Structures are given as structure tokens and as C-alpha cells.
Amino acid sequence: MTASPRLVPCPACKKPSPFVPENRWRPFCSERCRNLDLGAWASESYRVAAAAPPDAGEDTPPPAAAH
């Protein structure tokens, strides 16, 4: 008895996609979906949350005056 391949939802279109070495686009279902995701990263549509830097002046000493 052969086990059926594990199916995962494509991150782009949510279609079931086989997560096997033979699927060259895994975890995506196709080259199109992979390229759409890559384009979203390249255009900075995806962002990683980060803490805002402190405002200059709160804990930052003023710059030294040039003589």
C-alpha cells in the first residue's frame, strides 16, 4: 500500500499542493504562485513587525558644536 502524498495549502492561492520532492514549487502549487509571493516580498507588501526606534532627543545628547 502506497501512502498518498501530504497535501498542504498553497500559501498564495490556498489550493491543495503536494508537499513532495517531485513538486519543484513546494510549498506552492505552481511557478505562478511562487512568483506572486516573491513579487510581494520584493515590493515590500510583507513586513516584519519591529519596535519603533526611540525619538532623537529623549535620551540622546545634543551633537557637539563645531568650532
Protein backbone atom coordinates (compact mmCIF):
# COMPACT_ATOMS: atom_id res chain seq x y z
CA MET A 1 0.00 0.00 0.00
CA THR A 2 1.42 3.37 -1.06
CA ALA A 3 0.86 6.37 1.18
CA SER A 4 -0.75 9.31 -0.52
CA PRO A 5 1.36 12.49 -0.62
CA ARG A 6 0.85 15.05 2.11
CA LEU A 7 -1.21 17.96 0.79
CA VAL A 8 -0.63 21.47 2.13
CA PRO A 9 -2.47 24.65 1.16
CA CYS A 10 -0.56 26.76 -1.34
CA PRO A 11 0.45 29.97 0.51
CA ALA A 12 -0.68 32.09 -2.46
CA CYS A 13 -3.93 30.57 -3.74
CA LYS A 14 -4.79 28.08 -0.93
CA LYS A 15 -5.23 25.21 -3.43
CA PRO A 16 -4.04 21.80 -2.10
CA SER A 17 -0.45 21.23 -3.16
CA PRO A 18 1.55 18.00 -2.76
CA PHE A 19 4.47 18.52 -0.36
CA VAL A 20 6.84 16.06 -2.01
CA PRO A 21 10.33 16.44 -3.54
CA GLU A 22 8.84 15.97 -7.02
CA ASN A 23 6.87 19.22 -6.63
CA ARG A 24 9.58 21.69 -7.64
CA TRP A 25 7.50 24.66 -6.48
CA ARG A 26 6.69 23.38 -2.98
CA PRO A 27 5.08 24.62 -0.83
CA PHE A 28 3.46 26.48 -3.75
CA CYS A 29 1.31 24.71 -6.31
CA SER A 30 2.90 26.36 -9.35
CA GLU A 31 5.61 28.68 -10.62
CA ARG A 32 2.98 31.43 -10.95
CA CYS A 33 2.08 31.28 -7.26
CA ARG A 34 5.75 31.21 -6.27
CA ASN A 35 6.47 34.29 -8.41
CA LEU A 36 3.45 36.15 -7.00
CA ASP A 37 4.79 35.56 -3.49
CA LEU A 38 8.31 36.62 -4.49
CA GLY A 39 6.90 39.79 -6.05
CA ALA A 40 5.04 40.60 -2.84
CA TRP A 41 8.29 40.35 -0.86
CA ALA A 42 10.18 42.42 -3.47
CA SER A 43 7.58 45.19 -3.37
CA GLU A 44 7.65 45.13 0.45
CA SER A 45 4.00 44.11 0.73
CA TYR A 46 5.05 41.79 3.56
CA ARG A 47 6.56 43.44 6.62
CA VAL A 48 8.04 42.14 9.84
CA ALA A 49 6.84 43.97 12.93
CA ALA A 50 9.54 45.78 14.87
CA ALA A 51 9.65 48.13 17.79
CA ALA A 52 9.87 51.78 16.83
CA PRO A 53 13.27 53.37 17.49
CA PRO A 54 13.37 55.96 20.27
CA ASP A 55 12.85 59.54 19.18
CA ALA A 56 16.02 61.58 18.92
CA GLY A 57 16.25 63.99 21.83
CA GLU A 58 14.70 61.85 24.55
CA ASP A 59 17.85 60.04 25.67
CA THR A 60 20.23 61.31 23.00
CA PRO A 61 22.69 64.06 23.91
CA PRO A 62 22.77 67.04 21.52
CA PRO A 63 25.52 66.99 18.86
CA ALA A 64 28.76 68.79 19.78
CA ALA A 65 29.09 72.26 18.31
CA ALA A 66 31.84 72.71 15.73
CA HIS A 67 34.42 75.42 16.48
